Each structure stands twice: as structure tokens, then as C-alpha cells.
Protein backbone atom coordinates (compact mmCIF):
# COMPACT_ATOMS: atom_id res chain seq x y z
CA MET A 1 45.69 -171.70 174.86
CA ILE A 2 43.40 -168.95 173.57
CA LEU A 3 45.69 -166.29 174.98
CA ASN A 4 48.67 -167.80 173.14
CA PHE A 5 46.64 -167.85 169.93
CA LEU A 6 45.69 -164.20 170.36
CA ILE A 7 49.32 -163.22 171.10
CA LEU A 8 50.45 -164.99 167.98
CA THR A 9 47.75 -163.62 165.71
CA ILE A 10 46.51 -160.14 166.55
CA PHE A 11 49.68 -158.11 166.23
CA PRO A 12 51.34 -160.17 163.43
CA ALA A 13 48.07 -160.24 161.37
CA CYS A 14 47.61 -156.51 161.71
CA MET A 15 51.21 -155.90 160.62
CA ALA A 16 50.88 -158.22 157.65
CA LEU A 17 47.60 -156.62 156.61
CA ALA A 18 49.05 -153.11 156.98
CA ALA A 19 52.05 -153.98 154.81
CA SER A 20 49.98 -155.68 152.10
CA MET A 21 47.33 -152.95 152.04
CA ASP A 22 49.98 -150.24 151.80
CA LEU A 23 51.70 -152.06 148.97
CA ILE A 24 48.53 -152.62 146.96
CA THR A 25 46.57 -149.40 147.74
CA MET A 26 49.27 -147.02 149.11
CA THR A 27 47.08 -146.49 152.16
CA VAL A 28 46.85 -148.06 155.66
CA PRO A 29 43.18 -148.27 156.51
CA ASN A 30 42.15 -146.82 159.89
CA ARG A 31 40.71 -150.18 160.98
CA ILE A 32 44.21 -151.59 161.34
CA PRO A 33 45.52 -149.11 163.99
CA VAL A 34 42.10 -149.38 165.68
CA ALA A 35 42.37 -153.16 165.82
CA LEU A 36 45.90 -152.81 167.25
CA VAL A 37 44.71 -150.44 170.01
CA ILE A 38 41.75 -152.74 170.89
CA GLY A 39 44.02 -155.78 170.85
CA PHE A 40 46.48 -154.09 173.19
CA ILE A 41 43.77 -153.08 175.61
CA CYS A 42 42.43 -156.61 175.71
CA LEU A 43 45.77 -158.48 175.96
CA ALA A 44 47.96 -156.16 178.07
CA PRO A 45 46.38 -157.08 181.45
CA LEU A 46 46.21 -160.79 180.45
CA VAL A 47 49.99 -160.98 179.96
CA GLY A 48 50.68 -159.39 183.26
CA LEU A 49 51.42 -155.74 182.32
CA THR A 50 50.90 -153.57 185.35
CA LEU A 51 48.97 -150.32 185.25
CA PRO A 52 52.21 -148.20 185.31
CA GLU A 53 53.70 -150.32 182.47
CA ILE A 54 50.51 -149.85 180.42
CA GLY A 55 50.60 -146.11 181.15
CA LEU A 56 54.17 -145.88 179.98
CA GLN A 57 53.40 -147.66 176.75
CA VAL A 58 50.36 -145.39 176.24
CA ALA A 59 52.54 -142.35 176.82
CA PHE A 60 55.09 -143.54 174.30
CA ALA A 61 52.29 -144.22 171.79
CA ILE A 62 50.85 -140.68 172.28
CA ALA A 63 54.32 -139.22 171.76
CA ALA A 64 54.71 -141.37 168.61
CA LEU A 65 51.36 -140.11 167.32
CA VAL A 66 52.44 -136.51 167.87
CA ILE A 67 55.77 -137.11 166.13
CA GLY A 68 54.01 -139.06 163.36
CA PHE A 69 51.54 -136.35 162.68
CA GLY A 70 54.33 -133.79 162.69
CA MET A 71 56.05 -135.86 160.01
CA PHE A 72 52.72 -136.09 158.16
CA ALA A 73 52.30 -132.33 158.31
CA MET A 74 55.72 -131.90 156.78
CA GLY A 75 54.73 -134.30 153.93
CA TRP A 76 57.30 -136.95 154.92
CA ILE A 77 54.88 -139.81 155.64
CA GLY A 78 51.22 -140.51 155.12
CA GLY A 79 48.58 -140.21 157.80
CA GLY A 80 48.01 -143.96 157.83
CA ASP A 81 51.68 -144.48 158.45
CA ALA A 82 51.63 -142.04 161.38
CA LYS A 83 48.66 -143.90 162.95
CA LEU A 84 50.22 -147.26 162.29
CA PHE A 85 53.51 -146.12 163.90
CA ALA A 86 51.70 -144.97 167.04
CA ALA A 87 49.53 -148.08 167.31
CA THR A 88 52.57 -150.30 166.92
CA VAL A 89 54.48 -148.35 169.57
CA LEU A 90 51.64 -149.09 171.99
CA TRP A 91 52.58 -152.78 171.91
CA LEU A 92 56.28 -152.22 172.50
CA ASN A 93 58.20 -151.94 175.73
CA PRO A 94 61.13 -149.49 175.80
CA ALA A 95 63.75 -152.03 174.61
CA ALA A 96 61.56 -153.17 171.72
CA LEU A 97 60.75 -149.57 170.90
CA VAL A 98 64.41 -148.79 170.23
CA THR A 99 64.66 -151.87 168.03
CA TYR A 100 61.49 -150.96 166.17
CA THR A 101 62.49 -147.40 165.53
CA MET A 102 65.95 -148.26 164.27
CA LEU A 103 64.78 -151.19 162.10
CA SER A 104 61.87 -149.27 160.62
CA ALA A 105 64.20 -146.39 159.67
CA ILE A 106 66.76 -148.74 158.11
CA LEU A 107 64.14 -150.86 156.30
CA GLY A 108 62.31 -147.71 155.15
CA GLY A 109 65.52 -146.31 153.66
CA ALA A 110 66.22 -149.58 151.89
CA LEU A 111 62.62 -149.72 150.64
CA THR A 112 62.86 -146.19 149.33
CA LEU A 113 66.10 -146.89 147.52
CA MET A 114 64.71 -150.10 145.96
CA LEU A 115 61.55 -148.27 144.92
CA LEU A 116 63.65 -145.47 143.31
CA MET A 117 65.62 -148.06 141.37
CA TYR A 118 62.38 -149.86 140.36
CA ARG A 119 60.91 -146.61 139.14
CA SER A 120 63.97 -145.80 137.06
CA TYR A 121 63.32 -148.74 134.72
CA PRO A 122 60.48 -148.91 132.23
CA LEU A 123 57.54 -151.09 133.36
CA PRO A 124 56.80 -154.02 131.06
CA ALA A 125 53.53 -153.55 129.20
CA PHE A 126 51.92 -156.64 130.67
CA LEU A 127 52.39 -155.21 134.19
CA MET A 128 50.87 -151.79 133.29
CA SER A 129 47.40 -153.37 133.38
CA GLN A 130 47.85 -154.07 137.13
CA ASP A 131 46.73 -150.89 138.84
CA TRP A 132 48.75 -151.41 142.02
CA VAL A 133 51.97 -152.20 140.09
CA ALA A 134 51.52 -149.12 137.89
CA ARG A 135 50.79 -146.95 140.95
CA LEU A 136 53.87 -148.28 142.72
CA HIS A 137 55.94 -147.50 139.62
CA GLU A 138 54.61 -143.93 139.37
CA PRO A 139 57.37 -141.47 140.42
CA ARG A 140 54.89 -138.92 141.81
CA GLU A 141 53.52 -141.51 144.24
CA GLY A 142 54.96 -141.82 147.72
CA VAL A 143 56.62 -144.75 149.37
CA PRO A 144 54.46 -147.47 150.96
CA TYR A 145 56.28 -146.94 154.28
CA GLY A 146 53.77 -149.16 156.08
CA ILE A 147 55.79 -152.08 154.73
CA ALA A 148 58.85 -150.97 156.62
CA LEU A 149 56.86 -150.15 159.74
CA ALA A 150 55.21 -153.53 159.68
CA ALA A 151 58.51 -155.42 159.11
CA GLY A 152 60.23 -153.48 161.90
CA GLY A 153 57.25 -154.12 164.18
CA LEU A 154 57.24 -157.85 163.48
CA ILE A 155 60.92 -158.14 164.26
CA ALA A 156 60.68 -156.02 167.43
CA TYR A 157 57.58 -157.94 168.60
CA ALA A 158 59.85 -160.80 169.75
CA GLN A 159 61.16 -158.52 172.51
CA THR A 160 57.74 -157.54 173.90
CA PRO A 161 56.06 -158.77 177.11
CA PHE A 162 53.48 -160.42 174.86
CA MET A 163 55.97 -162.81 173.35
CA MET A 164 57.71 -163.25 176.70
CA ALA A 165 54.34 -164.41 178.12
CA LEU A 166 54.49 -167.34 175.66
CA ALA A 167 57.85 -168.48 177.17
CA GLY A 168 56.59 -168.29 180.73
């Protein structure tokens, strides 16, 4: 019962918090990837992941972190996005990883296009007083890519051993 509750809350709550924080503040706080890593460490053995399976997921997460920081160094994504990407990959088996990567790229592209359209129109005066709305409208600001990463992660989560443990 408690395991099912943790499976249904830790990862989805972290993804929802990451998306909302990135939307409002344009940052993904470090505590979210840290919570994802701790949650994985606690839950992975409880859902029956073997040490080699855990090792494989850790290896993929390390590779994701290296790739993410490379993208950060190029100025393509923020540092919080790189850490969120790697921490999310930790939870995903290879099949879910493919789904996550593809969906996050597609959703990120769609988010970017929608944001460019949003920024091309004048912002109504009554919305200018909302700092996060004005920041989101600012053309010099980046894209809150954590939204796409979180959405892709939530969709791919259905394919993970964690969700499969609920069925068994």
C-alpha cells in the first residue's frame, strides 16, 4: 500500500513541481533532481530492479548528465534542465528512455514555437504586473524547457518498472 503510494507520488510530484517552477521562475531548483535521485535509490530495490538493471539506469543517467551539461555549455538549455533530464533518465528503463527522449524533443519544439508566437503579440497591461507572465513574454528570456521534460517524463513513466510493479 505504501509502496504503491510512493510509486504514484514521488516521480509525478517531482515532474509537476519542476514544470510549474520552471514556468513561474524559469529555473528548476536543485532539490527536485535530488529528490528524484533519492526516490529512485529508495524505490528501485523495492520494485524488484536487480543490481545490473539499476547499474544500467545509473549509467544512462550519467550519460544524460554529460550530454545535458554539454548542451548547457553550448547555451542550448539551462543547468536545471540538464540536471532534471539526467535525474528523470535514472527512473527510465531503455524502452521508456526512447519514449522520453522523443516526446521531450517534440514537446519542447512545440513549446518553443508556442512561446515564440506568444512573445510576438503585445502583452495586455493587466498581465504586465505579474512578474512571471512578463518574464515569460520577454524575448531575451529562454524557454522553460523543464515543462517539456516533465511532460515527456510523465508520459514515459507508464512504461517503467515502477508502474509495472503496480500491475503485478
